[in-house]
Each structure stands twice: as structure tokens, then as C-alpha cells.
Amino acid sequence: MNNLTSEHQKMLSIWQQHLYAEFELKNVEASLATMTENPHVFLIPAGTGGTGKEGVRHFYANQFLPNIPPDFELTSVSQILAEDRIVEELVVRFTHTSNVDWMLPGVPPTDRKVEVVFVVIIQFEDGKVASEHLYWDQATVLSQLGILDIPEAATGTKSAGKLLGLSAQSPLAAIV
């Protein structure tokens, strides 16, 4: 990543600060400090998130940050840096030991393990996060939790592990 522009370096730095505030500090205000005055967060498969500073604050404070599973793990697979956004591919792992309504609305804890690929598109404006759009295969998650009875081959339940193996063979970031 030696050929990053100063703008790309700033975006990566803000994104890393944002992730640290969310997953390490679990601090709403520190997370919001990395965002614009009118951000939005949308977790597409679950239909959850927030719009505007107050909507995102409410989502982070009441639904997301207090309900991140204790063993929640993010592993970056790849990043694509464009003029005003980062597209990051991640593998997410956790044990479903508590309510995770931001991802699984209405699904009670199953005590089962989840491993799934996430794609996050982060848009920046004026050096801050303007939006986050998160995508994952909800059928894979629900199958791993025993909620959907679908053949393993149809859900990609082993895709995250395979992706990690394949990504070890290629560079982490690209600039477009």
C-alpha cells in the first residue's frame, strides 16, 4: 500500500478510528466523531441502521454497540479505495450467545457459531464517514444458526474459510 494518496491515507485512518471506536471502545460519541453531520448506516439484509446524526446515535446506543457478541471477530480480506469511498471485504465470526437484533432481528440466542463474509461500502465526505452500507448472506447466517434447513452447498456456509484461504494468496488493497 505504498502508493496510497494522502486522501486514501486519511480515509483509511478515519475508518480505522471508526472501527476502533465501535468494536474496542464501544463508544457512541467516539464513533459519531468520525462521521459527518448527516450520516446514515444501513445493514441491508437485516433492514436495520439509522439516518441522520440522531438516528445513527440511537442505532449505535440502543441496538448495535451494546449487542456486539463478546467473541465478535472481524478479519479484513480486501479493501478497494476509490475517490470518496472504501469497499472492504471482511470475514465476521461470533457465537450467537445474546440478542443481536441489529443483524438478526427477533432471533433469540442459539449458542451457535457464525462465520460469514461481509462487504462494507464506506462513503466519505469532507474527511469523515458519510455512510456505511453493509451486505452479507443472511441465508448462510440463518442456516448456521439452525433456523433455515437448507443444504450446505446452497448457503455457502464454508465460503468465509475458503475466502480467507484464497485471500492469503493475494494483496490486501487495491486503488481504483
Protein backbone atom coordinates (compact mmCIF):
# COMPACT_ATOMS: atom_id res chain seq x y z
CA MET A 1 0.00 0.00 0.00
CA ASN A 2 2.94 2.30 -0.61
CA ASN A 3 1.20 4.10 -3.48
CA LEU A 4 -1.72 5.47 -1.44
CA THR A 5 -2.61 9.10 -1.97
CA SER A 6 -2.83 11.36 1.06
CA GLU A 7 -6.64 11.30 0.67
CA HIS A 8 -6.68 7.50 0.74
CA GLN A 9 -4.45 7.53 3.83
CA LYS A 10 -6.87 9.95 5.54
CA MET A 11 -9.88 7.79 4.64
CA LEU A 12 -8.16 4.65 5.97
CA SER A 13 -7.15 6.44 9.15
CA ILE A 14 -10.70 7.69 9.80
CA TRP A 15 -12.14 4.24 9.02
CA GLN A 16 -9.69 2.59 11.43
CA GLN A 17 -10.61 5.16 14.12
CA HIS A 18 -14.28 4.45 13.47
CA LEU A 19 -13.83 0.67 13.82
CA TYR A 20 -11.76 1.15 16.99
CA ALA A 21 -14.50 3.36 18.49
CA GLU A 22 -17.15 0.77 17.64
CA PHE A 23 -15.51 -2.55 18.41
CA GLU A 24 -12.86 -1.73 21.02
CA LEU A 25 -14.24 1.29 22.87
CA LYS A 26 -17.91 0.56 22.13
CA ASN A 27 -18.35 4.30 22.43
CA VAL A 28 -21.22 6.02 20.64
CA GLU A 29 -19.79 9.53 20.72
CA ALA A 30 -16.31 8.43 19.62
CA SER A 31 -17.92 6.58 16.70
CA LEU A 32 -20.02 9.61 15.76
CA ALA A 33 -16.96 11.89 15.95
CA THR A 34 -15.63 10.12 12.83
CA MET A 35 -18.87 10.80 10.92
CA THR A 36 -20.42 13.73 9.05
CA GLU A 37 -23.28 15.78 10.48
CA ASN A 38 -25.83 13.82 8.42
CA PRO A 39 -24.60 10.21 8.20
CA HIS A 40 -26.50 7.03 7.64
CA VAL A 41 -25.81 3.39 8.44
CA PHE A 42 -27.78 0.69 6.67
CA LEU A 43 -27.39 -3.05 7.29
CA ILE A 44 -29.22 -4.19 4.18
CA PRO A 45 -30.00 -7.89 4.97
CA ALA A 46 -31.49 -7.01 8.38
CA GLY A 47 -33.04 -3.69 7.38
CA THR A 48 -31.51 -2.03 10.45
CA GLY A 49 -29.46 1.12 10.92
CA GLY A 50 -30.01 4.81 11.35
CA THR A 51 -30.32 8.02 9.37
CA GLY A 52 -29.02 11.41 10.45
CA LYS A 53 -26.83 12.02 13.48
CA GLU A 54 -29.64 11.28 15.95
CA GLY A 55 -30.80 8.18 14.07
CA VAL A 56 -27.27 6.77 13.95
CA ARG A 57 -26.71 7.73 17.61
CA HIS A 58 -29.90 5.87 18.58
CA PHE A 59 -28.93 2.81 16.49
CA TYR A 60 -25.41 2.67 17.94
CA ALA A 61 -26.51 3.32 21.56
CA ASN A 62 -29.56 1.06 21.69
CA GLN A 63 -29.21 -1.63 19.07
CA PHE A 64 -25.64 -2.08 17.85
CA LEU A 65 -22.87 -1.33 20.35
CA PRO A 66 -24.44 -2.93 23.45
CA ASN A 67 -25.28 -6.04 21.41
CA ILE A 68 -21.97 -6.92 19.79
CA PRO A 69 -21.26 -10.52 20.82
CA PRO A 70 -18.31 -10.83 23.26
CA ASP A 71 -16.33 -13.03 20.86
CA PHE A 72 -17.13 -10.92 17.75
CA GLU A 73 -14.21 -11.02 15.34
CA LEU A 74 -13.56 -9.09 12.12
CA THR A 75 -10.89 -10.22 9.66
CA SER A 76 -10.20 -7.94 6.72
CA VAL A 77 -9.85 -9.80 3.44
CA SER A 78 -9.51 -6.94 0.97
CA GLN A 79 -10.02 -3.22 0.54
CA ILE A 80 -10.66 -1.19 -2.55
CA LEU A 81 -10.02 2.54 -2.27
CA ALA A 82 -11.78 4.90 -4.63
CA GLU A 83 -12.01 8.68 -4.75
CA ASP A 84 -14.57 9.02 -1.94
CA ARG A 85 -15.13 5.53 -0.59
CA ILE A 86 -13.66 2.30 0.68
CA VAL A 87 -15.11 -1.09 -0.14
CA GLU A 88 -13.99 -3.62 2.43
CA GLU A 89 -14.49 -7.36 2.35
CA LEU A 90 -14.43 -8.96 5.80
CA VAL A 91 -14.99 -12.30 7.46
CA VAL A 92 -17.12 -11.97 10.59
CA ARG A 93 -17.15 -14.62 13.31
CA PHE A 94 -19.08 -14.80 16.57
CA THR A 95 -21.09 -17.10 18.80
CA HIS A 96 -24.77 -16.23 18.97
CA THR A 97 -24.99 -16.11 22.78
CA SER A 98 -27.10 -12.95 23.07
CA ASN A 99 -29.65 -10.93 21.14
CA VAL A 100 -28.03 -9.48 18.03
CA ASP A 101 -31.09 -7.60 16.75
CA TRP A 102 -29.00 -5.30 14.56
CA MET A 103 -28.14 -8.36 12.46
CA LEU A 104 -30.79 -10.91 13.41
CA PRO A 105 -33.96 -9.03 14.39
CA GLY A 106 -36.24 -11.17 16.53
CA VAL A 107 -33.93 -14.21 16.56
CA PRO A 108 -33.26 -15.43 20.13
CA PRO A 109 -29.75 -16.64 21.01
CA THR A 110 -28.94 -20.08 19.63
CA ASP A 111 -25.45 -20.55 21.15
CA ARG A 112 -24.23 -21.48 17.66
CA LYS A 113 -21.19 -20.17 15.84
CA VAL A 114 -21.48 -17.89 12.83
CA GLU A 115 -18.84 -17.31 10.16
CA VAL A 116 -19.90 -15.16 7.22
CA VAL A 117 -18.48 -12.78 4.63
CA PHE A 118 -19.43 -9.10 4.97
CA VAL A 119 -18.95 -6.37 2.40
CA VAL A 120 -18.98 -2.80 3.70
CA ILE A 121 -19.13 0.24 1.47
CA ILE A 122 -17.99 3.32 3.34
CA GLN A 123 -18.55 6.71 1.72
CA PHE A 124 -16.61 9.77 2.86
CA GLU A 125 -17.41 13.48 2.68
CA ASP A 126 -15.06 16.20 3.87
CA GLY A 127 -12.76 13.68 5.56
CA LYS A 128 -15.46 11.90 7.57
CA VAL A 129 -17.66 8.82 7.20
CA ALA A 130 -20.89 9.85 5.47
CA SER A 131 -22.43 6.40 5.13
CA GLU A 132 -21.91 2.71 5.72
CA HIS A 133 -23.78 0.07 3.72
CA LEU A 134 -23.25 -3.49 4.95
CA TYR A 135 -24.07 -6.64 3.00
CA TRP A 136 -23.91 -10.32 3.97
CA ASP A 137 -25.68 -13.53 3.04
CA GLN A 138 -28.43 -13.80 5.64
CA ALA A 139 -29.38 -17.30 4.44
CA THR A 140 -25.88 -18.51 5.34
CA VAL A 141 -26.19 -16.99 8.81
CA LEU A 142 -29.69 -18.38 9.41
CA SER A 143 -28.57 -21.81 8.19
CA GLN A 144 -25.60 -21.81 10.58
CA LEU A 145 -27.99 -20.91 13.42
CA GLY A 146 -30.28 -23.83 12.56
CA ILE A 147 -33.18 -21.54 11.60
CA LEU A 148 -33.17 -22.42 7.90
CA ASP A 149 -32.89 -26.01 6.82
CA ILE A 150 -31.07 -25.59 3.53
CA PRO A 151 -28.40 -27.89 2.12
CA GLU A 152 -24.92 -26.65 2.98
CA ALA A 153 -23.98 -26.29 -0.69
CA ALA A 154 -26.85 -23.85 -1.24
CA THR A 155 -25.86 -21.50 1.57
CA GLY A 156 -22.12 -21.11 1.28
CA THR A 157 -21.58 -21.94 4.94
CA LYS A 158 -17.90 -22.70 4.27
CA SER A 159 -17.34 -19.71 1.99
CA ALA A 160 -15.76 -17.50 4.64
CA GLY A 161 -13.00 -20.02 5.37
CA LYS A 162 -12.39 -20.60 1.69
CA LEU A 163 -12.23 -16.84 1.05
CA LEU A 164 -9.66 -16.41 3.82
CA GLY A 165 -7.52 -19.12 2.24
CA LEU A 166 -7.77 -17.57 -1.19
CA SER A 167 -7.08 -14.06 0.10
CA ALA A 168 -3.84 -15.20 1.70
CA GLN A 169 -2.60 -15.61 -1.86
CA SER A 170 -3.30 -12.00 -2.97
CA PRO A 171 -2.61 -8.43 -1.81
CA LEU A 172 -4.99 -6.78 0.68
CA ALA A 173 -5.76 -3.48 -1.04
CA ALA A 174 -6.29 -2.04 -4.47
CA ILE A 175 -6.77 1.53 -5.63
CA VAL A 176 -9.21 2.37 -8.41
